N, C-alpha and C. Protein backbone atom coordinates (compact mmCIF):
# COMPACT_ATOMS: atom_id res chain seq x y z
N MET A 1 -33.95 1.70 -16.11
CA MET A 1 -33.12 1.98 -15.24
C MET A 1 -31.60 1.91 -15.30
N GLY A 2 -30.78 2.82 -14.59
CA GLY A 2 -29.39 2.89 -14.55
C GLY A 2 -28.89 2.36 -13.14
N LEU A 3 -28.03 3.18 -12.98
CA LEU A 3 -27.47 2.91 -11.58
C LEU A 3 -28.12 3.69 -10.66
N GLY A 4 -28.91 3.18 -9.21
CA GLY A 4 -29.25 3.88 -8.32
C GLY A 4 -30.82 4.43 -8.77
N GLY A 5 -31.10 4.22 -10.00
CA GLY A 5 -32.75 4.68 -10.38
C GLY A 5 -32.23 6.14 -10.87
N ILE A 6 -30.89 6.14 -11.47
CA ILE A 6 -30.49 7.42 -12.36
C ILE A 6 -30.31 6.65 -13.91
N SER A 7 -31.19 7.23 -14.60
CA SER A 7 -31.34 6.66 -16.13
C SER A 7 -30.10 7.39 -16.91
N ILE A 8 -29.71 6.65 -18.17
CA ILE A 8 -28.57 7.02 -18.95
C ILE A 8 -28.49 8.42 -19.28
N TRP A 9 -29.99 8.74 -19.62
CA TRP A 9 -30.19 10.26 -20.14
C TRP A 9 -29.64 11.41 -18.85
N GLN A 10 -29.96 11.00 -17.85
CA GLN A 10 -29.51 11.61 -16.44
C GLN A 10 -27.80 11.57 -16.29
N LEU A 11 -27.24 10.62 -16.46
CA LEU A 11 -25.69 10.68 -16.65
C LEU A 11 -25.49 11.56 -17.71
N LEU A 12 -25.76 11.41 -18.83
CA LEU A 12 -25.12 11.90 -19.97
C LEU A 12 -25.27 13.49 -20.01
N ILE A 13 -26.39 14.12 -19.08
CA ILE A 13 -26.55 15.28 -18.77
C ILE A 13 -25.42 15.95 -17.71
N ILE A 14 -25.40 14.82 -16.75
CA ILE A 14 -24.37 15.52 -15.62
C ILE A 14 -23.06 15.53 -16.31
N LEU A 15 -22.66 14.22 -17.41
CA LEU A 15 -21.34 14.32 -17.89
C LEU A 15 -21.24 15.83 -18.82
N VAL A 16 -22.24 16.33 -19.52
CA VAL A 16 -21.96 17.46 -20.30
C VAL A 16 -21.74 18.81 -19.44
N ILE A 17 -22.27 18.70 -18.18
CA ILE A 17 -22.41 19.85 -17.35
C ILE A 17 -20.88 20.02 -16.89
N VAL A 18 -20.56 18.62 -16.58
CA VAL A 18 -18.97 18.67 -15.73
C VAL A 18 -17.97 18.92 -16.91
N LEU A 19 -18.36 18.47 -18.30
CA LEU A 19 -17.34 19.11 -19.08
C LEU A 19 -17.21 20.45 -19.69
N LEU A 20 -18.35 21.27 -19.22
CA LEU A 20 -18.56 22.32 -19.38
C LEU A 20 -18.11 23.21 -18.43
N LEU A 21 -18.01 22.90 -17.30
CA LEU A 21 -17.49 23.56 -16.19
C LEU A 21 -15.98 23.14 -16.14
N PHE A 22 -15.70 22.23 -16.22
CA PHE A 22 -14.07 21.99 -16.15
C PHE A 22 -13.37 22.00 -17.30
N GLY A 23 -13.92 21.43 -18.42
CA GLY A 23 -13.14 21.39 -19.63
C GLY A 23 -12.65 20.09 -20.06
N THR A 24 -12.21 19.77 -21.42
CA THR A 24 -11.44 18.30 -21.40
C THR A 24 -10.12 18.19 -21.06
N LYS A 25 -9.27 19.36 -21.20
CA LYS A 25 -7.74 19.37 -20.89
C LYS A 25 -7.79 19.08 -19.20
N ARG A 26 -8.40 19.68 -18.65
CA ARG A 26 -8.60 19.78 -16.82
C ARG A 26 -8.69 18.31 -16.50
N LEU A 27 -10.03 17.84 -17.29
CA LEU A 27 -10.23 16.49 -16.86
C LEU A 27 -9.58 15.24 -17.30
N LYS A 28 -8.69 15.42 -18.30
CA LYS A 28 -7.60 14.66 -18.71
C LYS A 28 -6.63 14.29 -18.01
N ASN A 29 -6.22 16.10 -17.30
CA ASN A 29 -5.07 15.85 -16.30
C ASN A 29 -5.61 15.47 -15.08
N LEU A 30 -6.73 15.49 -14.51
CA LEU A 30 -7.10 14.99 -13.44
C LEU A 30 -7.22 13.56 -13.29
N GLY A 31 -7.85 13.03 -14.68
CA GLY A 31 -7.70 11.33 -14.80
C GLY A 31 -6.38 10.73 -14.90
N GLY A 32 -5.33 11.34 -15.22
CA GLY A 32 -3.79 11.04 -15.59
C GLY A 32 -3.26 11.36 -14.02
N ASP A 33 -3.72 12.36 -13.13
CA ASP A 33 -3.09 12.51 -11.93
C ASP A 33 -3.62 11.27 -11.03
N LEU A 34 -5.00 10.59 -11.31
CA LEU A 34 -5.57 9.96 -10.68
C LEU A 34 -5.02 8.56 -10.49
N GLY A 35 -4.88 8.42 -12.38
CA GLY A 35 -4.18 7.19 -12.66
C GLY A 35 -2.84 6.93 -11.96
N GLY A 36 -2.09 7.76 -12.35
CA GLY A 36 -0.71 7.90 -11.11
C GLY A 36 -0.56 7.49 -9.88
N ALA A 37 -1.58 8.34 -9.32
CA ALA A 37 -1.83 7.90 -7.60
C ALA A 37 -2.30 6.54 -7.29
N ILE A 38 -3.09 5.74 -8.25
CA ILE A 38 -3.47 4.62 -8.02
C ILE A 38 -2.06 3.76 -8.29
N LYS A 39 -1.47 3.83 -9.33
CA LYS A 39 -0.24 2.97 -9.77
C LYS A 39 0.76 3.11 -8.48
N GLY A 40 1.04 4.22 -7.97
CA GLY A 40 1.76 4.42 -6.67
C GLY A 40 1.55 3.77 -5.77
N PHE A 41 0.18 3.87 -5.41
CA PHE A 41 -0.55 2.92 -4.25
C PHE A 41 -0.32 1.57 -4.35
N LYS A 42 -0.53 1.30 -5.52
CA LYS A 42 0.01 -0.15 -5.76
C LYS A 42 1.05 -0.96 -5.50
N LYS A 43 2.08 0.11 -6.14
CA LYS A 43 3.57 0.19 -6.14
C LYS A 43 4.03 -0.14 -4.64
N ALA A 44 3.55 0.98 -3.81
CA ALA A 44 3.68 1.35 -2.50
C ALA A 44 3.32 -0.12 -1.65
N MET A 45 2.31 -1.07 -2.02
CA MET A 45 1.54 -1.82 -1.41
C MET A 45 2.40 -3.41 -1.71
N ASN A 46 2.78 -3.38 -3.00
CA ASN A 46 3.82 -4.42 -3.45
C ASN A 46 4.96 -4.20 -2.58
N ASP A 47 5.58 -3.26 -2.44
CA ASP A 47 7.06 -2.97 -2.04
C ASP A 47 7.04 -3.51 -0.53
N GLU A 48 5.84 -3.16 0.25
CA GLU A 48 5.73 -3.36 1.65
C GLU A 48 5.47 -5.00 1.72
N ASP A 49 4.91 -5.37 0.81
CA ASP A 49 4.60 -7.02 1.01
C ASP A 49 5.82 -7.64 0.89
N LYS A 50 6.95 -7.10 -0.10
CA LYS A 50 8.17 -7.71 -0.31
C LYS A 50 8.92 -7.58 0.87
N GLY A 51 8.85 -6.24 1.49
CA GLY A 51 9.70 -5.96 2.37
C GLY A 51 9.46 -6.70 3.96
N GLU A 52 8.08 -7.09 3.89
CA GLU A 52 7.80 -8.32 5.15
C GLU A 52 8.38 -9.36 4.90
N ASP A 53 8.29 -10.07 3.53
CA ASP A 53 8.80 -11.14 3.58
C ASP A 53 10.42 -11.19 3.56
N LYS A 54 11.24 -10.19 3.22
CA LYS A 54 12.64 -10.11 3.57
C LYS A 54 12.95 -10.12 4.94
N GLU A 55 11.99 -9.29 5.79
CA GLU A 55 11.97 -9.07 7.00
C GLU A 55 11.97 -10.16 8.04
N ALA A 56 11.00 -11.17 7.50
CA ALA A 56 10.67 -12.19 8.39
C ALA A 56 11.73 -13.27 8.77
N PRO A 57 12.45 -13.42 7.98
CA PRO A 57 13.60 -14.47 8.09
C PRO A 57 15.01 -13.58 9.15
N LYS A 58 14.88 -12.37 8.70
CA LYS A 58 15.96 -11.71 10.00
C LYS A 58 15.45 -11.70 11.35
N SER A 59 13.98 -11.60 11.41
CA SER A 59 13.65 -11.36 12.59
C SER A 59 13.77 -12.72 13.55
N VAL A 60 13.83 -13.86 12.65
CA VAL A 60 14.09 -15.24 13.20
C VAL A 60 15.52 -15.52 13.51
N GLU A 61 16.13 -14.93 12.42
CA GLU A 61 17.56 -14.96 12.75
C GLU A 61 17.91 -14.36 14.04
N GLN A 62 17.69 -13.08 14.03
CA GLN A 62 17.82 -12.21 15.37
C GLN A 62 17.31 -13.07 16.42
N ASP A 63 16.32 -13.76 16.58
CA ASP A 63 15.61 -14.32 17.53
C ASP A 63 16.72 -15.66 18.26
N LYS A 64 17.24 -16.35 17.07
CA LYS A 64 18.17 -17.25 17.50
C LYS A 64 19.41 -16.79 17.82
N SER A 65 19.83 -15.69 17.58
CA SER A 65 21.10 -14.99 18.02
C SER A 65 20.79 -14.74 19.54
N GLU A 66 19.70 -14.13 19.62
CA GLU A 66 19.59 -13.49 20.82
C GLU A 66 19.40 -14.75 22.11
N SER A 67 18.91 -15.65 21.44
CA SER A 67 18.82 -16.97 22.51
C SER A 67 20.21 -17.67 22.92
N VAL A 68 21.08 -17.51 21.57
CA VAL A 68 22.30 -18.23 21.75
C VAL A 68 23.05 -17.44 22.68
N SER A 69 22.84 -15.83 22.58
CA SER A 69 23.67 -15.30 23.40
C SER A 69 23.28 -15.06 25.26
N THR A 70 21.96 -15.32 25.46
CA THR A 70 21.52 -15.51 26.54
C THR A 70 22.06 -16.87 27.29
N GLU A 71 22.02 -18.11 26.39
CA GLU A 71 22.54 -19.21 27.08
C GLU A 71 23.98 -19.22 27.20
N LYS A 72 24.76 -18.31 26.31
CA LYS A 72 26.49 -17.85 26.81
C LYS A 72 26.19 -17.41 28.14
N GLU A 73 25.21 -16.21 28.29
CA GLU A 73 25.54 -15.31 29.33
C GLU A 73 25.28 -16.23 30.69
N THR A 74 24.08 -17.35 30.75
CA THR A 74 23.93 -18.01 31.67
C THR A 74 25.15 -19.00 32.02
N GLU A 75 25.80 -19.65 31.22
CA GLU A 75 26.96 -20.40 31.01
C GLU A 75 27.91 -19.98 31.92
N SER A 76 28.49 -18.42 31.33
CA SER A 76 29.57 -17.88 32.11
C SER A 76 28.88 -17.56 33.58
N GLU A 77 28.16 -17.44 33.74
CA GLU A 77 27.42 -16.96 35.25
C GLU A 77 27.80 -18.31 36.02
N LYS A 78 27.18 -19.61 35.21
CA LYS A 78 27.68 -20.80 36.29
C LYS A 78 29.04 -21.16 36.20
N ALA A 79 30.02 -20.63 35.41
CA ALA A 79 31.12 -20.94 35.39
C ALA A 79 31.70 -20.00 36.49
N GLU A 80 31.20 -18.96 36.74
CA GLU A 80 31.72 -17.80 37.74
C GLU A 80 31.38 -18.48 39.07
N LYS A 81 30.71 -19.38 39.31
CA LYS A 81 30.08 -19.70 40.46
C LYS A 81 30.76 -20.81 40.93
């Protein structure tokens, strides 16, 4: 028994039919396109992970600067009173 109840011989027959329908050149191009798409997807995922790591400290710094600016505003409001 093969995969999901399909024997090796049935898989080989399906492979031969696909080769006859599409040809080896077309399947080779399709495989290359699929490989390029997977590679691009992995690169995008890695870039996104790196981008999140770089952005996290910036948001912390922005929060600190915002809290400092609000403290200055409250001090200036107190001085005006």
